[in-house]
Amino acid sequence: MSGPKNGPMSGADRLSPAARRLCDAMAAVFPGPGDPAALRAAASGSAGGGAVVASVRDADADGVPVRIYDPAPGGGGGRPLTVFFHGGGWVMCGLDTHDALCRALAVASGAVVVSADYRLAPEHPWPAAPDDALTVLLWARARAAVLGCDPARLVVAGDSSGGNLAAVTALRAPELIAGQLLFYPPLDASMEHPSVAEFARGYFHTAAHMAWYWDQYGGDPDHPHVSPLRAPDLSGLPRTLLVLADCDVLRDEGLAYGRRLGGAGVDCGIHLVPGVFHGFLGLPLTAAASAIGAAGAWVAATGTP
């Protein structure tokens, strides 16, 4: 089920009034977990709009469809290059649903953004998605100069399950990556963190949905390429920015990952956004625009002296 339509399970509501209105409206029409086709149909309705980007084109990255956003084609080399992985519980969404977010990130950062249309579960369970993610990373890095970018300024980014894929890709190829930008990622399949119970219902993205997504995705929950928080050693990972929603079942595992990164000597920042829920970056909220602007500035600074 998608949770009650009248707010949180108990206690005072921590969402802003604007976020609460959007949360309730979205929860009223979003299906409960269990039917991939129904979820995909509901998610497809969020496509459209977005900032104007000078060049947007589709391409093939060694068998994985990608969309390339270039805010200033022909402007010379040396720019950052961002490889982006979309969210959707590894089950839904794609290039179109995240088109507006990729446009906004390209404009805010000045980076070329390569968005990956990786294979989805349950038809293609783990490790299909992380393998596609690594394929796109290698493809984009090899073409950095052609894209007018510096391969030494490569950033992996993603929202929700795409944030998990970005974190896993950084674990698999840390020497190739200058930064990882993780928007409210799932990082621990155990789902044992306090925020899971605190925001289990009433904040759109429910604990029941997240548990079902993990089940569809598959893989060993203890494997660090499934649950990055369980990786034994995080030293050597690139510069990191975690952007988290305060009212989200995934909040505490994001905070825990940030603490572990910092303890391992990684340059890690955490932007905890109050008054919002999981998925807020794609919504017409002032907090979303501010968070994307700050993330864009972070990408623009990555790899600079």
C-alpha atoms as a PDB file:
ATOM      1  CA  MET A   1       0.000   0.000   0.000  1.00  0.00           C
ATOM      2  CA  SER A   2       1.091   3.558  -0.523  1.00  0.00           C
ATOM      3  CA  GLY A   3       0.335   4.728   2.996  1.00  0.00           C
ATOM      4  CA  PRO A   4      -2.315   6.993   4.539  1.00  0.00           C
ATOM      5  CA  LYS A   5      -3.377  10.052   2.623  1.00  0.00           C
ATOM      6  CA  ASN A   6      -3.631  12.212   5.736  1.00  0.00           C
ATOM      7  CA  GLY A   7      -0.011  12.587   6.746  1.00  0.00           C
ATOM      8  CA  PRO A   8       2.574  10.749   8.815  1.00  0.00           C
ATOM      9  CA  MET A   9       2.051   7.651  10.928  1.00  0.00           C
ATOM     10  CA  SER A  10       2.362   9.576  14.195  1.00  0.00           C
ATOM     11  CA  GLY A  11       3.678  12.797  15.685  1.00  0.00           C
ATOM     12  CA  ALA A  12       4.108  16.186  14.086  1.00  0.00           C
ATOM     13  CA  ASP A  13       4.432  16.388  10.331  1.00  0.00           C
ATOM     14  CA  ARG A  14       7.914  17.576   9.332  1.00  0.00           C
ATOM     15  CA  LEU A  15       7.085  18.261   5.688  1.00  0.00           C
ATOM     16  CA  SER A  16       6.652  21.826   4.508  1.00  0.00           C
ATOM     17  CA  PRO A  17       3.046  22.679   3.583  1.00  0.00           C
ATOM     18  CA  ALA A  18       3.923  22.703  -0.132  1.00  0.00           C
ATOM     19  CA  ALA A  19       5.694  19.346   0.131  1.00  0.00           C
ATOM     20  CA  ARG A  20       2.783  17.836   2.087  1.00  0.00           C
ATOM     21  CA  ARG A  21       0.300  18.851  -0.610  1.00  0.00           C
ATOM     22  CA  LEU A  22       2.456  17.283  -3.324  1.00  0.00           C
ATOM     23  CA  CYS A  23       3.134  14.183  -1.238  1.00  0.00           C
ATOM     24  CA  ASP A  24      -0.542  13.484  -0.631  1.00  0.00           C
ATOM     25  CA  ALA A  25      -1.500  14.144  -4.255  1.00  0.00           C
ATOM     26  CA  MET A  26       1.199  11.768  -5.511  1.00  0.00           C
ATOM     27  CA  ALA A  27       0.419   9.029  -2.969  1.00  0.00           C
ATOM     28  CA  ALA A  28      -3.259   9.133  -3.921  1.00  0.00           C
ATOM     29  CA  VAL A  29      -2.539   7.942  -7.476  1.00  0.00           C
ATOM     30  CA  PHE A  30       0.692   5.934  -7.132  1.00  0.00           C
ATOM     31  CA  PRO A  31       0.232   2.146  -7.051  1.00  0.00           C
ATOM     32  CA  GLY A  32       1.335  -0.004  -4.170  1.00  0.00           C
ATOM     33  CA  PRO A  33       4.207  -2.432  -4.639  1.00  0.00           C
ATOM     34  CA  GLY A  34       3.706  -5.682  -6.513  1.00  0.00           C
ATOM     35  CA  ASP A  35       2.940  -4.822 -10.146  1.00  0.00           C
ATOM     36  CA  PRO A  36       5.885  -3.588 -12.252  1.00  0.00           C
ATOM     37  CA  ALA A  37       3.629  -2.663 -15.191  1.00  0.00           C
ATOM     38  CA  ALA A  38       1.367  -0.495 -13.037  1.00  0.00           C
ATOM     39  CA  LEU A  39       4.315   1.248 -11.407  1.00  0.00           C
ATOM     40  CA  ARG A  40       5.967   1.897 -14.761  1.00  0.00           C
ATOM     41  CA  ALA A  41       2.770   3.343 -16.178  1.00  0.00           C
ATOM     42  CA  ALA A  42       2.388   5.669 -13.181  1.00  0.00           C
ATOM     43  CA  ALA A  43       6.005   6.807 -13.370  1.00  0.00           C
ATOM     44  CA  SER A  44       5.856   7.525 -17.097  1.00  0.00           C
ATOM     45  CA  GLY A  45       3.392  10.333 -16.478  1.00  0.00           C
ATOM     46  CA  SER A  46       6.126  12.513 -14.931  1.00  0.00           C
ATOM     47  CA  ALA A  47       8.000  13.146 -18.197  1.00  0.00           C
ATOM     48  CA  GLY A  48       8.183  16.506 -19.959  1.00  0.00           C
ATOM     49  CA  GLY A  49       9.356  20.064 -19.378  1.00  0.00           C
ATOM     50  CA  GLY A  50      12.748  21.123 -18.197  1.00  0.00           C
ATOM     51  CA  ALA A  51      15.421  23.709 -18.843  1.00  0.00           C
ATOM     52  CA  VAL A  52      16.624  24.501 -22.336  1.00  0.00           C
ATOM     53  CA  VAL A  53      19.918  22.730 -23.113  1.00  0.00           C
ATOM     54  CA  ALA A  54      21.806  23.627 -26.287  1.00  0.00           C
ATOM     55  CA  SER A  55      22.322  20.055 -27.447  1.00  0.00           C
ATOM     56  CA  VAL A  56      20.409  16.919 -26.457  1.00  0.00           C
ATOM     57  CA  ARG A  57      20.920  13.707 -28.411  1.00  0.00           C
ATOM     58  CA  ASP A  58      20.508   9.979 -27.959  1.00  0.00           C
ATOM     59  CA  ALA A  59      23.352   7.529 -28.534  1.00  0.00           C
ATOM     60  CA  ASP A  60      24.427   3.937 -27.942  1.00  0.00           C
ATOM     61  CA  ALA A  61      27.077   3.251 -25.304  1.00  0.00           C
ATOM     62  CA  ASP A  62      28.314  -0.206 -26.244  1.00  0.00           C
ATOM     63  CA  GLY A  63      24.785  -1.587 -26.159  1.00  0.00           C
ATOM     64  CA  VAL A  64      23.322   0.660 -23.453  1.00  0.00           C
ATOM     65  CA  PRO A  65      21.081   3.522 -24.660  1.00  0.00           C
ATOM     66  CA  VAL A  66      22.192   6.928 -23.380  1.00  0.00           C
ATOM     67  CA  ARG A  67      21.111  10.556 -23.731  1.00  0.00           C
ATOM     68  CA  ILE A  68      23.792  13.247 -23.883  1.00  0.00           C
ATOM     69  CA  TYR A  69      23.130  16.781 -22.612  1.00  0.00           C
ATOM     70  CA  ASP A  70      25.636  19.442 -23.643  1.00  0.00           C
ATOM     71  CA  PRO A  71      24.909  22.949 -22.306  1.00  0.00           C
ATOM     72  CA  ALA A  72      27.620  24.605 -24.470  1.00  0.00           C
ATOM     73  CA  PRO A  73      28.697  22.523 -27.473  1.00  0.00           C
ATOM     74  CA  GLY A  74      31.842  23.727 -29.184  1.00  0.00           C
ATOM     75  CA  GLY A  75      32.898  25.688 -26.132  1.00  0.00           C
ATOM     76  CA  GLY A  76      36.266  24.016 -25.770  1.00  0.00           C
ATOM     77  CA  GLY A  77      37.564  21.193 -23.598  1.00  0.00           C
ATOM     78  CA  GLY A  78      38.261  20.769 -19.932  1.00  0.00           C
ATOM     79  CA  ARG A  79      34.696  20.681 -18.663  1.00  0.00           C
ATOM     80  CA  PRO A  80      33.433  18.140 -16.123  1.00  0.00           C
ATOM     81  CA  LEU A  81      31.641  15.060 -17.430  1.00  0.00           C
ATOM     82  CA  THR A  82      28.767  13.576 -15.431  1.00  0.00           C
ATOM     83  CA  VAL A  83      27.445  10.054 -15.942  1.00  0.00           C
ATOM     84  CA  PHE A  84      23.919   9.929 -14.497  1.00  0.00           C
ATOM     85  CA  PHE A  85      21.847   6.932 -13.408  1.00  0.00           C
ATOM     86  CA  HIS A  86      18.104   7.415 -12.945  1.00  0.00           C
ATOM     87  CA  GLY A  87      16.053   6.269  -9.984  1.00  0.00           C
ATOM     88  CA  GLY A  88      12.919   4.153  -9.900  1.00  0.00           C
ATOM     89  CA  GLY A  89      13.693   1.236  -7.606  1.00  0.00           C
ATOM     90  CA  TRP A  90      15.692  -0.495 -10.371  1.00  0.00           C
ATOM     91  CA  VAL A  91      12.226  -1.402 -11.732  1.00  0.00           C
ATOM     92  CA  MET A  92      10.870   1.685 -13.509  1.00  0.00           C
ATOM     93  CA  CYS A  93      11.724   5.052 -15.066  1.00  0.00           C
ATOM     94  CA  GLY A  94      14.228   5.838 -17.796  1.00  0.00           C
ATOM     95  CA  LEU A  95      15.648   8.581 -19.991  1.00  0.00           C
ATOM     96  CA  ASP A  96      12.349  10.433 -20.393  1.00  0.00           C
ATOM     97  CA  THR A  97      11.257  10.439 -16.739  1.00  0.00           C
ATOM     98  CA  HIS A  98      14.576  11.987 -15.691  1.00  0.00           C
ATOM     99  CA  ASP A  99      15.046  14.264 -18.668  1.00  0.00           C
ATOM    100  CA  ALA A 100      14.147  17.421 -16.729  1.00  0.00           C
ATOM    101  CA  LEU A 101      16.518  16.580 -13.860  1.00  0.00           C
ATOM    102  CA  CYS A 102      19.395  15.893 -16.257  1.00  0.00           C
ATOM    103  CA  ARG A 103      18.722  19.155 -18.065  1.00  0.00           C
ATOM    104  CA  ALA A 104      18.746  21.058 -14.779  1.00  0.00           C
ATOM    105  CA  LEU A 105      21.983  19.411 -13.663  1.00  0.00           C
ATOM    106  CA  ALA A 106      23.703  20.153 -16.978  1.00  0.00           C
ATOM    107  CA  VAL A 107      22.698  23.816 -16.831  1.00  0.00           C
ATOM    108  CA  ALA A 108      23.596  24.198 -13.145  1.00  0.00           C
ATOM    109  CA  SER A 109      27.022  22.560 -13.498  1.00  0.00           C
ATOM    110  CA  GLY A 110      28.115  23.439 -17.020  1.00  0.00           C
ATOM    111  CA  ALA A 111      28.987  19.753 -17.390  1.00  0.00           C
ATOM    112  CA  VAL A 112      28.090  17.380 -20.180  1.00  0.00           C
ATOM    113  CA  VAL A 113      25.643  14.877 -18.692  1.00  0.00           C
ATOM    114  CA  VAL A 114      25.387  11.335 -20.066  1.00  0.00           C
ATOM    115  CA  SER A 115      22.184   9.681 -18.793  1.00  0.00           C
ATOM    116  CA  ALA A 116      22.146   5.865 -18.877  1.00  0.00           C
ATOM    117  CA  ASP A 117      19.096   3.736 -19.741  1.00  0.00           C
ATOM    118  CA  TYR A 118      20.263   0.627 -17.880  1.00  0.00           C
ATOM    119  CA  ARG A 119      18.357  -2.668 -17.855  1.00  0.00           C
ATOM    120  CA  LEU A 120      15.537  -2.960 -15.320  1.00  0.00           C
ATOM    121  CA  ALA A 121      14.492  -5.603 -12.799  1.00  0.00           C
ATOM    122  CA  PRO A 122      12.736  -7.968 -12.373  1.00  0.00           C
ATOM    123  CA  GLU A 123      13.352  -8.951 -15.994  1.00  0.00           C
ATOM    124  CA  HIS A 124      17.056  -8.156 -15.588  1.00  0.00           C
ATOM    125  CA  PRO A 125      18.033  -8.586 -11.915  1.00  0.00           C
ATOM    126  CA  TRP A 126      21.362  -7.716 -10.323  1.00  0.00           C
ATOM    127  CA  PRO A 127      24.075  -7.475 -11.631  1.00  0.00           C
ATOM    128  CA  ALA A 128      22.579  -6.289 -14.949  1.00  0.00           C
ATOM    129  CA  ALA A 129      22.097  -2.669 -13.838  1.00  0.00           C
ATOM    130  CA  PRO A 130      25.551  -2.140 -12.253  1.00  0.00           C
ATOM    131  CA  ASP A 131      27.189  -3.853 -15.207  1.00  0.00           C
ATOM    132  CA  ASP A 132      25.394  -1.477 -17.592  1.00  0.00           C
ATOM    133  CA  ALA A 133      26.403   1.436 -15.360  1.00  0.00           C
ATOM    134  CA  LEU A 134      30.076   0.479 -15.566  1.00  0.00           C
ATOM    135  CA  THR A 135      29.787   0.028 -19.341  1.00  0.00           C
ATOM    136  CA  VAL A 136      28.448   3.569 -19.718  1.00  0.00           C
ATOM    137  CA  LEU A 137      31.131   4.975 -17.420  1.00  0.00           C
ATOM    138  CA  LEU A 138      33.909   3.422 -19.502  1.00  0.00           C
ATOM    139  CA  TRP A 139      32.246   4.486 -22.762  1.00  0.00           C
ATOM    140  CA  ALA A 140      31.811   8.093 -21.636  1.00  0.00           C
ATOM    141  CA  ARG A 141      35.326   8.372 -20.221  1.00  0.00           C
ATOM    142  CA  ALA A 142      36.848   7.101 -23.453  1.00  0.00           C
ATOM    143  CA  ARG A 143      34.962   9.839 -25.339  1.00  0.00           C
ATOM    144  CA  ALA A 144      35.552  12.659 -22.857  1.00  0.00           C
ATOM    145  CA  ALA A 145      37.801  14.645 -25.190  1.00  0.00           C
ATOM    146  CA  VAL A 146      35.352  14.336 -28.085  1.00  0.00           C
ATOM    147  CA  LEU A 147      32.616  15.613 -25.766  1.00  0.00           C
ATOM    148  CA  GLY A 148      34.770  18.603 -24.798  1.00  0.00           C
ATOM    149  CA  CYS A 149      35.391  17.287 -21.301  1.00  0.00           C
ATOM    150  CA  ASP A 150      38.333  16.413 -19.100  1.00  0.00           C
ATOM    151  CA  PRO A 151      38.398  12.673 -18.237  1.00  0.00           C
ATOM    152  CA  ALA A 152      40.055  13.616 -14.960  1.00  0.00           C
ATOM    153  CA  ARG A 153      36.855  15.511 -14.001  1.00  0.00           C
ATOM    154  CA  LEU A 154      34.452  12.574 -14.349  1.00  0.00           C
ATOM    155  CA  VAL A 155      31.553  12.469 -11.881  1.00  0.00           C
ATOM    156  CA  VAL A 156      29.075   9.644 -11.344  1.00  0.00           C
ATOM    157  CA  ALA A 157      25.638  10.761 -10.180  1.00  0.00           C
ATOM    158  CA  GLY A 158      22.215   9.317  -9.586  1.00  0.00           C
ATOM    159  CA  ASP A 159      18.990   9.668  -7.651  1.00  0.00           C
ATOM    160  CA  SER A 160      17.466   6.949  -5.459  1.00  0.00           C
ATOM    161  CA  SER A 161      18.316   3.533  -6.977  1.00  0.00           C
ATOM    162  CA  GLY A 162      20.465   5.414  -9.481  1.00  0.00           C
ATOM    163  CA  GLY A 163      22.387   6.807  -6.520  1.00  0.00           C
ATOM    164  CA  ASN A 164      23.033   3.236  -5.463  1.00  0.00           C
ATOM    165  CA  LEU A 165      24.383   2.482  -8.949  1.00  0.00           C
ATOM    166  CA  ALA A 166      26.615   5.565  -8.821  1.00  0.00           C
ATOM    167  CA  ALA A 167      28.001   4.486  -5.442  1.00  0.00           C
ATOM    168  CA  VAL A 168      28.574   0.934  -6.683  1.00  0.00           C
ATOM    169  CA  THR A 169      30.291   2.208  -9.826  1.00  0.00           C
ATOM    170  CA  ALA A 170      32.601   4.330  -7.682  1.00  0.00           C
ATOM    171  CA  LEU A 171      33.443   1.259  -5.602  1.00  0.00           C
ATOM    172  CA  ARG A 172      34.217  -0.716  -8.757  1.00  0.00           C
ATOM    173  CA  ALA A 173      36.360   1.931 -10.480  1.00  0.00           C
ATOM    174  CA  PRO A 174      37.474   4.570  -7.967  1.00  0.00           C
ATOM    175  CA  GLU A 175      40.618   5.384  -9.934  1.00  0.00           C
ATOM    176  CA  LEU A 176      38.528   6.550 -12.914  1.00  0.00           C
ATOM    177  CA  ILE A 177      36.210   8.874 -11.018  1.00  0.00           C
ATOM    178  CA  ALA A 178      36.777  12.345  -9.554  1.00  0.00           C
ATOM    179  CA  GLY A 179      33.477  12.611  -7.687  1.00  0.00           C
ATOM    180  CA  GLN A 180      30.238  10.875  -6.773  1.00  0.00           C
ATOM    181  CA  LEU A 181      26.991  12.808  -6.402  1.00  0.00           C
ATOM    182  CA  LEU A 182      24.391  10.709  -4.588  1.00  0.00           C
ATOM    183  CA  PHE A 183      20.792  11.914  -4.305  1.00  0.00           C
ATOM    184  CA  TYR A 184      18.901  10.039  -1.506  1.00  0.00           C
ATOM    185  CA  PRO A 185      20.391   6.627  -2.403  1.00  0.00           C
ATOM    186  CA  PRO A 186      19.473   3.196  -0.979  1.00  0.00           C
ATOM    187  CA  LEU A 187      22.749   1.866   0.398  1.00  0.00           C
ATOM    188  CA  ASP A 188      21.842  -1.003   2.731  1.00  0.00           C
ATOM    189  CA  ALA A 189      19.409  -3.792   1.829  1.00  0.00           C
ATOM    190  CA  SER A 190      18.932  -4.656   5.513  1.00  0.00           C
ATOM    191  CA  MET A 191      16.503  -1.724   5.917  1.00  0.00           C
ATOM    192  CA  GLU A 192      17.325  -1.689   9.638  1.00  0.00           C
ATOM    193  CA  HIS A 193      17.985   2.029  10.096  1.00  0.00           C
ATOM    194  CA  PRO A 194      15.690   4.131  12.350  1.00  0.00           C
ATOM    195  CA  SER A 195      14.362   6.326   9.519  1.00  0.00           C
ATOM    196  CA  VAL A 196      12.824   3.245   7.875  1.00  0.00           C
ATOM    197  CA  ALA A 197      10.331   2.917  10.714  1.00  0.00           C
ATOM    198  CA  GLU A 198      10.002   6.669  11.259  1.00  0.00           C
ATOM    199  CA  PHE A 199       8.885   7.366   7.679  1.00  0.00           C
ATOM    200  CA  ALA A 200       7.490   3.950   6.765  1.00  0.00           C
ATOM    201  CA  ARG A 201       4.152   5.385   5.655  1.00  0.00           C
ATOM    202  CA  GLY A 202       2.730   8.798   4.870  1.00  0.00           C
ATOM    203  CA  TYR A 203       5.738  10.210   2.990  1.00  0.00           C
ATOM    204  CA  PHE A 204       5.048   8.823  -0.509  1.00  0.00           C
ATOM    205  CA  HIS A 205       8.045   6.471  -0.729  1.00  0.00           C
ATOM    206  CA  THR A 206       7.045   3.783   1.753  1.00  0.00           C
ATOM    207  CA  ALA A 207       9.074   1.108   3.493  1.00  0.00           C
ATOM    208  CA  ALA A 208       6.871  -1.491   1.780  1.00  0.00           C
ATOM    209  CA  HIS A 209       7.785  -0.102  -1.645  1.00  0.00           C
ATOM    210  CA  MET A 210      11.504  -0.086  -0.792  1.00  0.00           C
ATOM    211  CA  ALA A 211      11.446  -3.676   0.496  1.00  0.00           C
ATOM    212  CA  TRP A 212       9.699  -4.812  -2.688  1.00  0.00           C
ATOM    213  CA  TYR A 213      12.223  -2.966  -4.877  1.00  0.00           C
ATOM    214  CA  TRP A 214      15.086  -4.723  -3.098  1.00  0.00           C
ATOM    215  CA  ASP A 215      13.359  -8.069  -3.647  1.00  0.00           C
ATOM    216  CA  GLN A 216      12.931  -7.437  -7.377  1.00  0.00           C
ATOM    217  CA  TYR A 217      16.531  -6.262  -7.736  1.00  0.00           C
ATOM    218  CA  GLY A 218      18.047  -9.372  -6.185  1.00  0.00           C
ATOM    219  CA  GLY A 219      21.659 -10.027  -5.345  1.00  0.00           C
ATOM    220  CA  ASP A 220      23.260 -10.867  -2.024  1.00  0.00           C
ATOM    221  CA  PRO A 221      22.299  -8.124   0.477  1.00  0.00           C
ATOM    222  CA  ASP A 222      25.745  -8.432   2.063  1.00  0.00           C
ATOM    223  CA  HIS A 223      27.613  -7.828  -1.204  1.00  0.00           C
ATOM    224  CA  PRO A 224      29.047  -4.277  -1.331  1.00  0.00           C
ATOM    225  CA  HIS A 225      27.944  -3.990  -4.972  1.00  0.00           C
ATOM    226  CA  VAL A 226      24.380  -4.417  -3.705  1.00  0.00           C
ATOM    227  CA  SER A 227      24.718  -2.618  -0.356  1.00  0.00           C
ATOM    228  CA  PRO A 228      27.598  -0.121  -0.581  1.00  0.00           C
ATOM    229  CA  LEU A 229      27.280   0.691   3.118  1.00  0.00           C
ATOM    230  CA  ARG A 230      28.517  -2.849   3.814  1.00  0.00           C
ATOM    231  CA  ALA A 231      31.771  -2.388   1.880  1.00  0.00           C
ATOM    232  CA  PRO A 232      34.636  -3.218   4.265  1.00  0.00           C
ATOM    233  CA  ASP A 233      36.869  -0.363   3.109  1.00  0.00           C
ATOM    234  CA  LEU A 234      35.757   3.015   1.755  1.00  0.00           C
ATOM    235  CA  SER A 235      39.177   4.639   1.673  1.00  0.00           C
ATOM    236  CA  GLY A 236      40.304   5.718  -1.754  1.00  0.00           C
ATOM    237  CA  LEU A 237      36.818   6.647  -2.918  1.00  0.00           C
ATOM    238  CA  PRO A 238      36.418   9.975  -4.719  1.00  0.00           C
ATOM    239  CA  ARG A 239      35.094  13.277  -3.449  1.00  0.00           C
ATOM    240  CA  THR A 240      31.451  12.805  -2.473  1.00  0.00           C
ATOM    241  CA  LEU A 241      28.280  14.845  -2.031  1.00  0.00           C
ATOM    242  CA  LEU A 242      25.223  13.200  -0.488  1.00  0.00           C
ATOM    243  CA  VAL A 243      21.930  15.078  -0.959  1.00  0.00           C
ATOM    244  CA  LEU A 244      19.326  13.619   1.391  1.00  0.00           C
ATOM    245  CA  ALA A 245      15.652  14.274   2.135  1.00  0.00           C
ATOM    246  CA  ASP A 246      14.976  14.678   5.849  1.00  0.00           C
ATOM    247  CA  CYS A 247      11.619  12.832   5.686  1.00  0.00           C
ATOM    248  CA  ASP A 248      12.738   9.668   3.901  1.00  0.00           C
ATOM    249  CA  VAL A 249      13.104   6.012   4.840  1.00  0.00           C
ATOM    250  CA  LEU A 250      16.587   6.167   3.259  1.00  0.00           C
ATOM    251  CA  ARG A 251      17.832   9.169   5.232  1.00  0.00           C
ATOM    252  CA  ASP A 252      19.759   7.350   7.940  1.00  0.00           C
ATOM    253  CA  GLU A 253      21.668   4.978   5.676  1.00  0.00           C
ATOM    254  CA  GLY A 254      22.782   8.020   3.685  1.00  0.00           C
ATOM    255  CA  LEU A 255      23.958   9.708   6.872  1.00  0.00           C
ATOM    256  CA  ALA A 256      25.739   6.516   7.934  1.00  0.00           C
ATOM    257  CA  TYR A 257      27.511   6.286   4.573  1.00  0.00           C
ATOM    258  CA  GLY A 258      28.631   9.888   4.847  1.00  0.00           C
ATOM    259  CA  ARG A 259      30.031   9.270   8.318  1.00  0.00           C
ATOM    260  CA  ARG A 260      31.898   6.188   7.129  1.00  0.00           C
ATOM    261  CA  LEU A 261      33.319   8.060   4.144  1.00  0.00           C
ATOM    262  CA  GLY A 262      34.503  10.882   6.358  1.00  0.00           C
ATOM    263  CA  GLY A 263      36.020   8.416   8.795  1.00  0.00           C
ATOM    264  CA  ALA A 264      37.873   6.784   5.901  1.00  0.00           C
ATOM    265  CA  GLY A 265      39.421  10.111   4.944  1.00  0.00           C
ATOM    266  CA  VAL A 266      37.185  10.807   1.939  1.00  0.00           C
ATOM    267  CA  ASP A 267      36.211  14.415   1.194  1.00  0.00           C
ATOM    268  CA  CYS A 268      32.476  14.049   1.845  1.00  0.00           C
ATOM    269  CA  GLY A 269      29.724  16.623   2.199  1.00  0.00           C
ATOM    270  CA  ILE A 270      26.145  15.960   3.293  1.00  0.00           C
ATOM    271  CA  HIS A 271      23.282  18.232   2.256  1.00  0.00           C
ATOM    272  CA  LEU A 272      20.296  17.231   4.403  1.00  0.00           C
ATOM    273  CA  VAL A 273      17.276  19.075   3.035  1.00  0.00           C
ATOM    274  CA  PRO A 274      14.540  19.719   5.633  1.00  0.00           C
ATOM    275  CA  GLY A 275      10.827  19.613   4.980  1.00  0.00           C
ATOM    276  CA  VAL A 276      10.946  17.337   1.905  1.00  0.00           C
ATOM    277  CA  PHE A 277      10.384  13.680   1.034  1.00  0.00           C
ATOM    278  CA  HIS A 278      12.039  11.114  -1.220  1.00  0.00           C
ATOM    279  CA  GLY A 279      11.985  12.155  -4.877  1.00  0.00           C
ATOM    280  CA  PHE A 280      11.701  15.875  -4.153  1.00  0.00           C
ATOM    281  CA  LEU A 281      14.285  16.892  -6.783  1.00  0.00           C
ATOM    282  CA  GLY A 282      11.779  16.307  -9.560  1.00  0.00           C
ATOM    283  CA  LEU A 283       9.082  18.464  -7.978  1.00  0.00           C
ATOM    284  CA  PRO A 284       8.211  22.193  -8.211  1.00  0.00           C
ATOM    285  CA  LEU A 285       9.689  23.067  -4.828  1.00  0.00           C
ATOM    286  CA  THR A 286      12.066  25.864  -3.927  1.00  0.00           C
ATOM    287  CA  ALA A 287      14.127  23.339  -1.983  1.00  0.00           C
ATOM    288  CA  ALA A 288      14.570  21.257  -5.122  1.00  0.00           C
ATOM    289  CA  ALA A 289      15.846  24.162  -7.193  1.00  0.00           C
ATOM    290  CA  SER A 290      18.244  25.163  -4.412  1.00  0.00           C
ATOM    291  CA  ALA A 291      19.558  21.621  -4.016  1.00  0.00           C
ATOM    292  CA  ILE A 292      20.140  21.192  -7.750  1.00  0.00           C
ATOM    293  CA  GLY A 293      21.906  24.555  -7.892  1.00  0.00           C
ATOM    294  CA  ALA A 294      24.208  23.585  -5.025  1.00  0.00           C
ATOM    295  CA  ALA A 295      24.878  20.170  -6.561  1.00  0.00           C
ATOM    296  CA  GLY A 296      25.696  21.810  -9.885  1.00  0.00           C
ATOM    297  CA  ALA A 297      28.206  24.111  -8.208  1.00  0.00           C
ATOM    298  CA  TRP A 298      29.770  21.080  -6.528  1.00  0.00           C
ATOM    299  CA  VAL A 299      30.141  19.292  -9.879  1.00  0.00           C
ATOM    300  CA  ALA A 300      31.613  22.442 -11.452  1.00  0.00           C
ATOM    301  CA  ALA A 301      34.270  22.545  -8.729  1.00  0.00           C
ATOM    302  CA  THR A 302      35.169  18.849  -8.954  1.00  0.00           C
ATOM    303  CA  GLY A 303      38.584  18.203 -10.422  1.00  0.00           C
ATOM    304  CA  THR A 304      39.672  21.836 -10.315  1.00  0.00           C
ATOM    305  CA  PRO A 305      42.967  22.829  -8.624  1.00  0.00           C
END
